[in-house]
Amino acid sequence: MTIDLPQHILDAMTDVDMPRLRSETAPSGTMVHGDLQVPVYRSGCVVVGSGAAGLRAAVELKRRRNEVVIVSQSAWGGTSACSGSDKQTLHTANSADQGDSYKAMARAIRAGGA
């Protein structure tokens, strides 16, 4: 048995106002890399990724009174926050059917970024 939900009900469940972001912290300095002037931010801990594991790690670090910075490709959270799923559907779709690659991540980090 299937029930068609009216569009206004579906919209009410998914169309939500996003919270306002706080102002970005000013960099503590800059460094030059080739022709680029790159801002420098300092923190006690850096969490890479804002999926469920990254955000959980950040919460636990903050609870232990650490200064934490989360580095993410999106200001509104990672795949878990955006998709409501633990299946990483959006991430896989965004990675050309390759899924996560720890080797590619290691190469990107070693090279100084993605």
Protein backbone atom coordinates (compact mmCIF):
# COMPACT_ATOMS: atom_id res chain seq x y z
CA MET A 1 0.00 0.00 0.00
CA THR A 2 1.41 3.37 -0.95
CA ILE A 3 0.23 6.74 0.22
CA ASP A 4 1.04 9.86 -1.74
CA LEU A 5 1.92 12.68 0.61
CA PRO A 6 0.92 16.15 -0.51
CA GLN A 7 3.87 18.25 -1.67
CA HIS A 8 3.31 20.91 1.02
CA ILE A 9 3.85 18.28 3.74
CA LEU A 10 7.08 17.06 2.12
CA ASP A 11 8.25 20.67 1.74
CA ALA A 12 7.49 21.42 5.40
CA MET A 13 9.69 18.49 6.43
CA THR A 14 12.68 19.49 4.31
CA ASP A 15 12.55 23.25 3.70
CA VAL A 16 14.07 24.62 6.89
CA ASP A 17 15.91 27.84 7.56
CA MET A 18 19.59 27.23 8.11
CA PRO A 19 21.11 28.84 11.20
CA ARG A 20 23.23 31.92 10.75
CA LEU A 21 26.95 31.33 10.70
CA ARG A 22 29.05 33.24 13.18
CA SER A 23 31.63 35.60 11.78
CA GLU A 24 34.81 33.96 10.60
CA THR A 25 37.71 34.30 13.01
CA ALA A 26 40.46 36.54 11.69
CA PRO A 27 43.67 34.73 10.73
CA SER A 28 46.61 35.01 13.11
CA GLY A 29 48.90 35.80 10.19
CA THR A 30 49.69 34.87 6.62
CA MET A 31 52.28 32.82 4.77
CA VAL A 32 53.40 32.92 1.16
CA HIS A 33 53.18 29.76 -0.95
CA GLY A 34 54.33 30.40 -4.51
CA ASP A 35 52.26 33.33 -5.76
CA LEU A 36 49.61 32.88 -3.07
CA GLN A 37 49.28 34.63 0.25
CA VAL A 38 47.60 32.07 2.53
CA PRO A 39 45.88 32.95 5.82
CA VAL A 40 47.18 31.11 8.91
CA TYR A 41 44.82 29.97 11.65
CA ARG A 42 46.05 28.44 14.92
CA SER A 43 44.18 25.92 17.05
CA GLY A 44 44.89 23.22 19.58
CA CYS A 45 43.02 20.55 17.58
CA VAL A 46 41.94 20.24 13.95
CA VAL A 47 39.19 17.83 12.89
CA VAL A 48 39.13 17.10 9.15
CA GLY A 49 35.59 16.41 7.95
CA SER A 50 32.16 17.24 9.34
CA GLY A 51 30.45 13.91 8.94
CA ALA A 52 29.11 12.05 11.96
CA ALA A 53 32.55 10.85 13.11
CA GLY A 54 34.20 14.24 12.65
CA LEU A 55 31.50 16.13 14.51
CA ARG A 56 31.47 13.53 17.30
CA ALA A 57 35.26 13.89 17.64
CA ALA A 58 34.93 17.69 17.76
CA VAL A 59 32.26 17.52 20.47
CA GLU A 60 34.39 15.21 22.62
CA LEU A 61 37.49 17.38 22.18
CA LYS A 62 35.51 20.51 23.13
CA ARG A 63 34.03 18.75 26.18
CA ARG A 64 37.62 18.19 27.30
CA ARG A 65 38.23 21.95 26.97
CA ASN A 66 40.32 21.80 23.80
CA GLU A 67 40.28 24.56 21.21
CA VAL A 68 38.82 22.88 18.10
CA VAL A 69 38.63 23.86 14.43
CA ILE A 70 36.59 21.78 11.98
CA VAL A 71 37.79 21.78 8.37
CA SER A 72 35.02 20.85 5.96
CA GLN A 73 34.05 21.36 2.34
CA SER A 74 30.69 22.80 3.46
CA ALA A 75 29.65 25.17 6.21
CA TRP A 76 26.47 23.16 6.80
CA GLY A 77 27.94 19.80 7.78
CA GLY A 78 29.07 16.64 6.09
CA THR A 79 27.23 13.83 4.42
CA SER A 80 25.55 12.57 7.59
CA ALA A 81 24.14 15.98 8.45
CA CYS A 82 23.03 16.70 4.89
CA SER A 83 21.58 13.35 3.90
CA GLY A 84 20.19 12.05 7.16
CA SER A 85 21.70 8.71 6.18
CA ASP A 86 24.59 6.58 7.31
CA LYS A 87 24.95 5.13 3.82
CA GLN A 88 27.14 8.03 2.59
CA THR A 89 24.98 8.31 -0.53
CA LEU A 90 25.89 11.90 -1.27
CA HIS A 91 29.59 11.35 -0.71
CA THR A 92 29.69 8.37 -3.04
CA ALA A 93 27.77 10.29 -5.69
CA ASN A 94 30.26 13.13 -5.30
CA SER A 95 33.27 10.85 -5.76
CA ALA A 96 32.56 9.44 -9.25
CA ASP A 97 31.58 6.00 -7.92
CA GLN A 98 35.00 5.58 -6.32
CA GLY A 99 33.87 5.88 -2.69
CA ASP A 100 36.37 6.85 0.00
CA SER A 101 40.03 6.31 -0.78
CA TYR A 102 42.42 6.52 2.15
CA LYS A 103 45.32 6.46 -0.31
CA ALA A 104 43.96 9.48 -2.20
CA MET A 105 43.39 11.27 1.11
CA ALA A 106 46.96 10.55 2.23
CA ARG A 107 48.34 11.83 -1.09
CA ALA A 108 46.25 15.01 -0.82
CA ILE A 109 47.35 15.68 2.76
CA ARG A 110 51.00 15.01 1.90
CA ALA A 111 50.72 17.39 -1.07
CA GLY A 112 49.30 20.14 1.11
CA GLY A 113 45.58 19.85 0.36
CA ALA A 114 43.01 18.46 -2.00
